[in-house]
Protein backbone atom coordinates (compact mmCIF):
# COMPACT_ATOMS: atom_id res chain seq x y z
CA UNK A 1 103.71 39.75 -89.32
CA UNK A 2 100.68 39.17 -91.73
CA UNK A 3 100.62 35.61 -93.19
CA UNK A 4 101.86 34.86 -89.67
CA UNK A 5 98.89 36.14 -87.96
CA UNK A 6 96.38 34.41 -91.50
CA UNK A 7 98.44 30.87 -90.52
CA UNK A 8 97.54 31.04 -86.85
CA UNK A 9 94.05 32.45 -86.97
CA UNK A 10 93.71 28.93 -89.94
CA UNK A 11 94.73 27.04 -87.46
CA UNK A 12 92.41 27.76 -84.63
CA UNK A 13 89.69 27.94 -86.65
CA UNK A 14 89.50 24.24 -86.35
CA UNK A 15 86.56 23.47 -85.23
CA UNK A 16 88.62 20.38 -82.35
CA UNK A 17 87.72 22.20 -79.25
CA UNK A 18 87.08 25.50 -79.32
CA UNK A 19 82.90 26.84 -79.75
CA UNK A 20 81.08 27.63 -82.98
CA UNK A 21 80.22 30.88 -81.86
CA UNK A 22 84.37 31.24 -80.96
CA UNK A 23 85.04 29.79 -85.06
CA UNK A 24 82.94 32.25 -86.79
CA UNK A 25 84.67 35.33 -85.13
CA UNK A 26 87.83 33.67 -85.75
CA UNK A 27 86.27 33.64 -89.87
CA UNK A 28 85.72 36.57 -89.41
CA UNK A 29 88.93 38.37 -88.58
CA UNK A 30 90.19 36.13 -91.08
CA UNK A 31 89.05 37.13 -93.77
CA UNK A 32 89.92 40.66 -92.46
CA UNK A 33 92.49 40.62 -92.11
CA UNK A 34 92.53 38.53 -95.55
CA UNK A 35 91.06 41.75 -97.66
CA UNK A 36 93.62 44.65 -96.00
CA UNK A 37 95.65 41.87 -97.08
CA UNK A 38 95.07 41.66 -100.10
CA UNK A 39 94.09 45.72 -100.69
CA UNK A 40 97.86 46.09 -99.61
CA UNK A 41 99.55 44.82 -101.45
CA UNK A 42 97.38 45.92 -104.21
CA UNK A 43 97.93 49.37 -103.35
CA UNK A 44 101.87 48.04 -103.43
CA UNK A 45 101.06 47.18 -106.66
CA UNK A 46 99.56 50.33 -108.73
CA UNK A 47 102.21 52.29 -106.38
CA UNK A 48 105.61 51.00 -108.68
CA UNK A 49 102.69 50.94 -111.80
CA UNK A 50 102.67 54.80 -111.15
CA UNK A 51 105.84 55.49 -110.29
CA UNK A 52 107.05 53.09 -113.08
CA UNK A 53 105.30 55.88 -115.01
CA UNK A 54 106.17 58.95 -114.34
CA UNK A 55 110.01 57.04 -114.24
CA UNK A 56 110.22 55.46 -117.18
CA UNK A 57 111.13 51.76 -115.75
CA UNK A 58 110.43 48.87 -117.62
CA UNK A 59 107.62 46.87 -114.72
CA UNK A 60 109.29 43.60 -116.09
CA UNK A 61 112.83 44.61 -115.41
CA UNK A 62 112.34 45.98 -111.61
CA UNK A 63 110.71 42.31 -110.78
CA UNK A 64 113.55 40.34 -112.07
CA UNK A 65 115.70 42.74 -109.87
CA UNK A 66 113.69 42.58 -106.55
CA UNK A 67 113.04 38.51 -107.28
């Protein structure tokens, strides 16, 4: 869902018919959503690593099963 939103925002940022201020606002929104998405991914990875330490699951094995 976040990737869908980001791709749509990226398409809107092209300065074809939108005023420059609107494009700048969309860039700011895009940057903030990107940062939230990255933080969310890092949080998931940290959680999986913590789970791995607590339950002694091999992370390589876990990711190979997921992929």
